[in-house]
């Protein structure tokens, strides 16, 4: 009896095993193409993995070879196409980059960062600003499926950040369009207003020097002096050692005949450039600064100039006593360093602009 049970038991196992083998072989016969695709997809992912490693090590040609091999096995690998496009941009092969971005977006339409980069190349490299603006708007409108895994991924935050970037770059594209049509045409003004709207939308998400600076610049071009001044001041507060906002604010204040404040901003811009070693721009700024000083003299503002020279190095919250030599080198105390930074962050005429806004 025991032997009979063992026989049936072994027979059952053999039969089931045989049936499973037949089913497996049948599935291969029926779904051979699907199996082949999966194998090729796996090989493609391996080559993308290799390409990513070379890409991180800046071995771009090897990365290109790997990504191309990956696309031979699996043409729909949108990440391989995106990375390939980024490398083409570094080589300034912009049309090849645009083709790869477009193919990646055809495969994955909600690939937001790829669409933003695609639009950026359209605008900055090929000057197709209209198409770029359309792509920025698509990036904003095409919301991805939300994925939230605590401590690992929250693509809602990523989407929000990228939306700010898209609006900011859209503003740059509108400003570029305004420059192409000429300052005096009404269409140029309209493009600048569109740029301002885009910058303001960006500021709802991001607070950065670049956005405030470009918002100030657009307003300055439109002669919206108060708005321009306030935005330059906000840019300066965020990045006090960037010369562009100081310089543009100085020009604005000069045009508004606020020569004292203009003088202060020109000096800050000149000192920043002088520290950076940009002698050409520094010379130009000091020439303009001299012109502003002469205008102050013509206005009879001698008292301020005399007081300013007499108090140089003292009135702004620091003095020369905080400079010292250590090991034959000139160094400053931490208090001096903080005071200088505070001085550069202090925006000339901010009180004036705030008063005008309240009116």
Protein backbone atom coordinates (compact mmCIF):
# COMPACT_ATOMS: atom_id res chain seq x y z
CA UNK A 1 0.00 0.00 0.00
CA UNK A 2 2.82 2.37 0.92
CA UNK A 3 4.56 1.74 -2.38
CA UNK A 4 1.34 2.43 -4.33
CA UNK A 5 0.90 5.79 -2.55
CA UNK A 6 4.49 6.73 -3.25
CA UNK A 7 4.00 5.78 -6.92
CA UNK A 8 0.91 7.99 -7.28
CA UNK A 9 2.60 10.77 -5.33
CA UNK A 10 5.67 10.73 -7.57
CA UNK A 11 3.47 10.40 -10.66
CA UNK A 12 1.43 13.47 -9.63
CA UNK A 13 4.57 15.52 -9.16
CA UNK A 14 5.89 14.39 -12.53
CA UNK A 15 2.60 15.15 -14.27
CA UNK A 16 2.32 18.62 -12.72
CA UNK A 17 5.94 19.37 -13.57
CA UNK A 18 5.41 18.24 -17.14
CA UNK A 19 2.27 20.34 -17.48
CA UNK A 20 4.08 23.41 -16.13
CA UNK A 21 6.94 22.86 -18.57
CA UNK A 22 4.49 22.53 -21.46
CA UNK A 23 2.69 25.71 -20.39
CA UNK A 24 6.00 27.58 -20.12
CA UNK A 25 7.10 26.45 -23.59
CA UNK A 26 3.67 27.31 -24.94
CA UNK A 27 3.83 30.80 -23.40
CA UNK A 28 7.22 31.34 -25.01
CA UNK A 29 5.76 30.29 -28.35
CA UNK A 30 2.67 32.50 -27.94
CA UNK A 31 4.39 35.51 -26.34
CA UNK A 32 7.85 35.25 -27.83
CA UNK A 33 7.93 38.90 -28.92
CA UNK A 34 6.96 40.07 -25.42
CA UNK A 35 9.75 38.02 -23.85
CA UNK A 36 12.26 39.42 -26.33
CA UNK A 37 11.10 42.98 -25.59
CA UNK A 38 11.52 42.47 -21.86
CA UNK A 39 15.00 41.07 -22.32
CA UNK A 40 15.98 43.96 -24.56
CA UNK A 41 14.48 46.39 -22.05
CA UNK A 42 16.61 44.87 -19.31
CA UNK A 43 19.74 45.19 -21.45
CA UNK A 44 18.81 48.80 -22.21
CA UNK A 45 18.51 49.66 -18.53
CA UNK A 46 21.94 48.16 -17.97
CA UNK A 47 23.48 50.45 -20.61
CA UNK A 48 21.69 53.47 -19.15
CA UNK A 49 23.12 52.56 -15.76
CA UNK A 50 26.59 52.46 -17.32
CA UNK A 51 25.96 55.73 -19.12
CA UNK A 52 24.84 57.47 -15.92
CA UNK A 53 28.06 56.43 -14.20
CA UNK A 54 30.17 57.87 -17.02
CA UNK A 55 27.98 61.00 -17.10
CA UNK A 56 28.60 61.67 -13.40
CA UNK A 57 32.35 61.29 -13.99
CA UNK A 58 32.18 63.78 -16.92
CA UNK A 59 33.25 61.07 -19.36
CA UNK A 60 30.70 62.36 -21.83
CA UNK A 61 31.72 60.47 -24.97
CA UNK A 62 31.53 57.13 -23.17
CA UNK A 63 28.17 58.19 -21.73
CA UNK A 64 26.91 59.02 -25.23
CA UNK A 65 28.00 55.58 -26.50
CA UNK A 66 26.19 53.86 -23.63
CA UNK A 67 22.98 55.84 -24.08
CA UNK A 68 22.97 55.13 -27.81
CA UNK A 69 23.38 51.40 -27.15
CA UNK A 70 20.53 51.59 -24.65
CA UNK A 71 18.27 53.20 -27.26
CA UNK A 72 19.09 50.49 -29.79
CA UNK A 73 17.62 47.91 -27.40
CA UNK A 74 14.78 50.08 -26.07
CA UNK A 75 14.04 53.28 -28.08
CA UNK A 76 11.41 54.43 -25.55
CA UNK A 77 13.85 54.99 -22.69
CA UNK A 78 13.02 58.68 -22.18
CA UNK A 79 15.64 59.18 -19.47
CA UNK A 80 18.40 58.06 -21.84
CA UNK A 81 17.15 60.53 -24.44
CA UNK A 82 16.99 63.33 -21.87
CA UNK A 83 20.56 62.77 -20.65
CA UNK A 84 21.76 62.48 -24.22
CA UNK A 85 20.13 65.84 -25.00
CA UNK A 86 21.83 67.45 -22.00
CA UNK A 87 25.22 66.26 -23.23
CA UNK A 88 24.54 67.61 -26.73
CA UNK A 89 23.80 71.00 -25.14
CA UNK A 90 27.23 71.01 -23.48
CA UNK A 91 28.74 70.33 -26.92
CA UNK A 92 26.57 73.16 -28.35
CA UNK A 93 24.96 70.69 -30.73
CA UNK A 94 21.61 72.32 -30.09
CA UNK A 95 19.55 70.77 -32.89
CA UNK A 96 20.55 67.24 -31.88
CA UNK A 97 19.62 68.17 -28.32
CA UNK A 98 16.22 69.50 -29.42
CA UNK A 99 15.52 66.26 -31.30
CA UNK A 100 16.30 64.16 -28.22
CA UNK A 101 14.22 66.40 -25.92
CA UNK A 102 11.30 66.20 -28.36
CA UNK A 103 11.55 62.39 -28.54
CA UNK A 104 11.68 62.12 -24.74
CA UNK A 105 8.56 64.30 -24.44
CA UNK A 106 6.78 62.27 -27.09
CA UNK A 107 7.30 59.22 -24.90
CA UNK A 108 6.55 60.98 -21.58
CA UNK A 109 4.54 64.21 -22.08
CA UNK A 110 4.56 65.09 -18.35
CA UNK A 111 8.38 64.99 -18.13
CA UNK A 112 8.42 68.54 -16.77
CA UNK A 113 12.13 69.23 -16.39
CA UNK A 114 12.77 67.94 -19.92
CA UNK A 115 10.12 70.30 -21.30
CA UNK A 116 11.64 73.25 -19.43
CA UNK A 117 15.12 72.43 -20.77
CA UNK A 118 13.64 71.95 -24.24
CA UNK A 119 12.05 75.41 -24.07
CA UNK A 120 15.26 76.93 -22.72
CA UNK A 121 17.28 75.69 -25.69
CA UNK A 122 14.55 76.86 -28.09
CA UNK A 123 14.73 80.35 -26.61
CA UNK A 124 18.42 80.81 -25.82
CA UNK A 125 20.05 78.87 -28.66
CA UNK A 126 17.63 79.12 -31.60
CA UNK A 127 15.78 82.32 -30.56
CA UNK A 128 12.43 80.64 -31.12
CA UNK A 129 10.87 82.55 -28.22
CA UNK A 130 7.24 81.96 -29.22
CA UNK A 131 7.66 78.19 -29.29
CA UNK A 132 9.61 78.35 -26.02
CA UNK A 133 6.79 80.24 -24.30
CA UNK A 134 4.31 77.61 -25.51
CA UNK A 135 6.49 74.84 -24.07
CA UNK A 136 6.85 76.64 -20.72
CA UNK A 137 3.07 76.92 -20.52
CA UNK A 138 2.71 73.21 -21.35
CA UNK A 139 5.18 72.38 -18.57
CA UNK A 140 3.07 74.37 -16.09
CA UNK A 141 -0.28 72.96 -17.28
CA UNK A 142 0.79 69.31 -17.61
CA UNK A 143 0.57 68.18 -14.00
CA UNK A 144 2.08 64.75 -13.24
CA UNK A 145 0.47 62.07 -11.13
CA UNK A 146 1.19 62.91 -7.51
CA UNK A 147 3.54 60.54 -5.69
CA UNK A 148 4.27 60.96 -2.00
CA UNK A 149 6.47 58.62 0.02
CA UNK A 150 7.55 60.15 3.38
CA UNK A 151 11.28 60.99 3.52
CA UNK A 152 11.80 59.69 -0.04
CA UNK A 153 9.74 61.44 -2.69
CA UNK A 154 7.18 64.20 -2.94
CA UNK A 155 6.77 65.19 -6.57
CA UNK A 156 4.17 67.83 -5.65
CA UNK A 157 7.01 69.93 -4.17
CA UNK A 158 9.18 69.24 -7.21
CA UNK A 159 6.34 70.31 -9.52
CA UNK A 160 5.86 73.51 -7.51
CA UNK A 161 9.55 74.38 -7.71
CA UNK A 162 9.73 73.60 -11.44
CA UNK A 163 6.64 75.75 -12.00
CA UNK A 164 8.54 78.70 -10.56
CA UNK A 165 11.48 77.97 -12.87
CA UNK A 166 9.16 77.73 -15.88
CA UNK A 167 7.50 81.07 -15.10
CA UNK A 168 10.89 82.74 -14.58
CA UNK A 169 12.26 81.48 -17.90
CA UNK A 170 8.99 82.44 -19.59
CA UNK A 171 9.58 85.98 -18.34
CA UNK A 172 13.07 85.96 -19.86
CA UNK A 173 11.64 84.81 -23.20
CA UNK A 174 9.07 87.64 -23.19
CA UNK A 175 11.79 90.17 -22.39
CA UNK A 176 13.90 88.81 -25.25
CA UNK A 177 10.92 89.27 -27.59
CA UNK A 178 10.60 92.89 -26.45
CA UNK A 179 14.23 93.53 -27.35
CA UNK A 180 13.77 92.06 -30.82
CA UNK A 181 10.90 94.37 -31.76
CA UNK A 182 12.53 97.53 -30.38
CA UNK A 183 11.95 99.62 -27.29
CA UNK A 184 9.57 102.20 -28.78
CA UNK A 185 6.98 99.87 -30.26
CA UNK A 186 3.78 99.21 -28.31
CA UNK A 187 4.25 95.45 -28.78
CA UNK A 188 7.58 95.71 -26.93
CA UNK A 189 5.80 97.24 -23.94
CA UNK A 190 3.20 94.49 -24.03
CA UNK A 191 5.89 91.82 -24.01
CA UNK A 192 7.48 93.50 -21.00
CA UNK A 193 4.14 93.49 -19.18
CA UNK A 194 3.84 89.77 -19.97
CA UNK A 195 7.37 89.27 -18.61
CA UNK A 196 6.40 91.08 -15.39
CA UNK A 197 3.34 88.86 -14.98
CA UNK A 198 5.48 85.75 -15.47
CA UNK A 199 8.07 86.96 -12.93
CA UNK A 200 5.33 87.67 -10.38
CA UNK A 201 3.94 84.16 -10.85
CA UNK A 202 7.45 82.80 -10.30
CA UNK A 203 7.73 84.78 -7.05
CA UNK A 204 4.64 83.01 -5.70
CA UNK A 205 6.79 79.89 -5.59
CA UNK A 206 10.43 81.07 -5.46
CA UNK A 207 12.17 84.03 -3.87
CA UNK A 208 15.47 84.55 -5.63
CA UNK A 209 17.86 87.33 -6.60
CA UNK A 210 17.47 86.58 -10.31
CA UNK A 211 13.68 86.91 -10.30
CA UNK A 212 13.64 90.17 -8.32
CA UNK A 213 16.48 91.59 -10.42
CA UNK A 214 14.78 90.81 -13.74
CA UNK A 215 11.44 92.06 -12.43
CA UNK A 216 13.18 95.31 -11.51
CA UNK A 217 14.79 95.50 -14.95
CA UNK A 218 11.46 95.02 -16.77
CA UNK A 219 9.85 97.73 -14.65
CA UNK A 220 12.81 100.05 -15.24
CA UNK A 221 12.44 99.62 -19.01
CA UNK A 222 8.76 100.54 -18.65
CA UNK A 223 9.69 103.60 -16.52
CA UNK A 224 7.88 102.13 -13.51
CA UNK A 225 10.55 103.60 -11.27
CA UNK A 226 9.06 102.85 -7.85
CA UNK A 227 8.35 99.19 -8.67
CA UNK A 228 11.80 98.82 -10.23
CA UNK A 229 13.49 100.35 -7.19
CA UNK A 230 11.68 98.12 -4.71
CA UNK A 231 12.52 95.00 -6.70
CA UNK A 232 16.19 95.94 -6.95
CA UNK A 233 16.21 96.51 -3.19
CA UNK A 234 14.73 93.04 -2.59
CA UNK A 235 17.34 91.53 -4.92
CA UNK A 236 20.11 93.32 -3.03
CA UNK A 237 18.82 92.04 0.32
CA UNK A 238 19.02 88.47 -0.99
CA UNK A 239 22.43 88.80 -2.66
CA UNK A 240 24.22 91.96 -1.46
CA UNK A 241 27.50 91.15 -3.22
CA UNK A 242 26.07 90.91 -6.74
CA UNK A 243 26.95 94.10 -8.58
CA UNK A 244 24.17 94.14 -11.24
CA UNK A 245 21.32 95.20 -8.94
CA UNK A 246 23.48 97.86 -7.27
CA UNK A 247 24.49 99.25 -10.65
CA UNK A 248 20.98 99.27 -12.17
CA UNK A 249 19.58 100.82 -9.01
CA UNK A 250 22.27 103.52 -9.21
CA UNK A 251 21.27 104.31 -12.80
CA UNK A 252 17.61 104.43 -11.77
CA UNK A 253 18.32 106.77 -8.85
CA UNK A 254 20.45 109.00 -11.05
CA UNK A 255 17.62 109.31 -13.57
CA UNK A 256 15.28 110.16 -10.68
CA UNK A 257 17.81 112.84 -9.62
CA UNK A 258 18.33 111.13 -6.26
CA UNK A 259 22.07 111.71 -6.55
CA UNK A 260 23.08 110.93 -2.96
CA UNK A 261 21.57 107.46 -3.06
CA UNK A 262 22.82 106.94 -6.60
CA UNK A 263 26.35 107.74 -5.47
CA UNK A 264 26.17 105.11 -2.73
CA UNK A 265 25.00 102.38 -5.10
CA UNK A 266 27.61 103.22 -7.74
CA UNK A 267 30.31 102.93 -5.08
CA UNK A 268 29.06 99.53 -3.95
CA UNK A 269 28.91 98.24 -7.52
CA UNK A 270 32.43 99.54 -8.17
CA UNK A 271 33.86 97.97 -5.03
CA UNK A 272 32.29 94.60 -5.84
CA UNK A 273 33.71 94.63 -9.38
CA UNK A 274 37.08 95.89 -8.14
CA UNK A 275 37.24 92.96 -5.72
CA UNK A 276 36.35 90.57 -8.55
CA UNK A 277 39.17 92.01 -10.66
CA UNK A 278 36.95 93.30 -13.47
CA UNK A 279 38.92 96.46 -14.23
CA UNK A 280 37.06 97.44 -17.42
CA UNK A 281 33.62 97.53 -15.81
CA UNK A 282 35.05 99.10 -12.67
CA UNK A 283 36.59 101.96 -14.68
CA UNK A 284 33.29 102.59 -16.43
CA UNK A 285 31.34 102.63 -13.15
CA UNK A 286 33.75 105.08 -11.56
CA UNK A 287 33.47 107.34 -14.61
CA UNK A 288 29.69 107.41 -14.19
CA UNK A 289 30.13 107.90 -10.45
CA UNK A 290 32.26 110.96 -11.19
CA UNK A 291 29.48 112.30 -13.37
CA UNK A 292 26.96 111.88 -10.54
CA UNK A 293 29.31 113.68 -8.15
CA UNK A 294 29.53 116.60 -10.56
CA UNK A 295 25.74 116.78 -10.72
CA UNK A 296 25.64 116.96 -6.93
CA UNK A 297 28.13 119.84 -7.01
CA UNK A 298 25.99 121.61 -9.61
CA UNK A 299 23.03 121.24 -7.27
CA UNK A 300 25.11 122.83 -4.51
CA UNK A 301 25.10 119.70 -2.31
CA UNK A 302 28.59 120.47 -0.93
CA UNK A 303 27.69 119.71 2.67
CA UNK A 304 26.89 116.04 2.01
CA UNK A 305 30.09 115.53 0.01
CA UNK A 306 32.25 117.08 2.73
CA UNK A 307 30.56 115.04 5.48
CA UNK A 308 30.79 111.89 3.37
CA UNK A 309 34.53 112.27 2.80
CA UNK A 310 35.17 113.18 6.44
CA UNK A 311 33.24 110.16 7.74
CA UNK A 312 34.41 107.63 5.16
CA UNK A 313 34.93 104.28 6.83
CA UNK A 314 33.07 105.34 10.01
CA UNK A 315 29.51 106.31 9.28
CA UNK A 316 28.42 102.93 7.94
CA UNK A 317 28.86 101.04 11.19
CA UNK A 318 32.53 100.10 10.97
CA UNK A 319 35.88 101.86 11.22
CA UNK A 320 39.47 101.35 10.26
CA UNK A 321 40.44 100.31 13.80
CA UNK A 322 38.91 96.92 13.02
CA UNK A 323 41.61 96.30 10.40
CA UNK A 324 44.80 94.64 11.60
CA UNK A 325 47.86 92.74 10.38
CA UNK A 326 48.36 89.08 11.17
CA UNK A 327 51.48 87.35 9.83
CA UNK A 328 52.12 90.21 7.45
CA UNK A 329 48.60 90.05 5.96
CA UNK A 330 45.75 92.51 6.30
CA UNK A 331 42.73 90.89 7.97
CA UNK A 332 39.43 92.16 9.33
CA UNK A 333 37.51 91.26 12.44
CA UNK A 334 34.23 89.34 12.21
CA UNK A 335 32.44 92.49 13.38
CA UNK A 336 33.95 94.43 10.48
CA UNK A 337 32.99 91.72 8.02
CA UNK A 338 29.39 91.66 9.27
CA UNK A 339 29.19 95.45 9.19
CA UNK A 340 30.39 95.58 5.58
CA UNK A 341 27.87 92.93 4.53
CA UNK A 342 25.12 94.81 6.36
CA UNK A 343 26.12 98.00 4.57
CA UNK A 344 25.99 96.35 1.14
CA UNK A 345 22.63 94.76 1.97
CA UNK A 346 21.19 98.16 2.94
CA UNK A 347 19.37 99.50 -0.10
CA UNK A 348 19.69 103.19 -0.90
CA UNK A 349 16.38 105.05 -1.19
CA UNK A 350 14.29 102.07 0.00
CA UNK A 351 12.42 104.38 2.37
CA UNK A 352 11.74 106.69 -0.58
CA UNK A 353 10.30 103.84 -2.69
CA UNK A 354 8.17 102.54 0.19
CA UNK A 355 6.71 106.02 0.69
CA UNK A 356 5.84 106.26 -3.01
CA UNK A 357 4.19 102.82 -2.89
CA UNK A 358 2.00 103.90 0.04
CA UNK A 359 0.89 106.96 -1.91
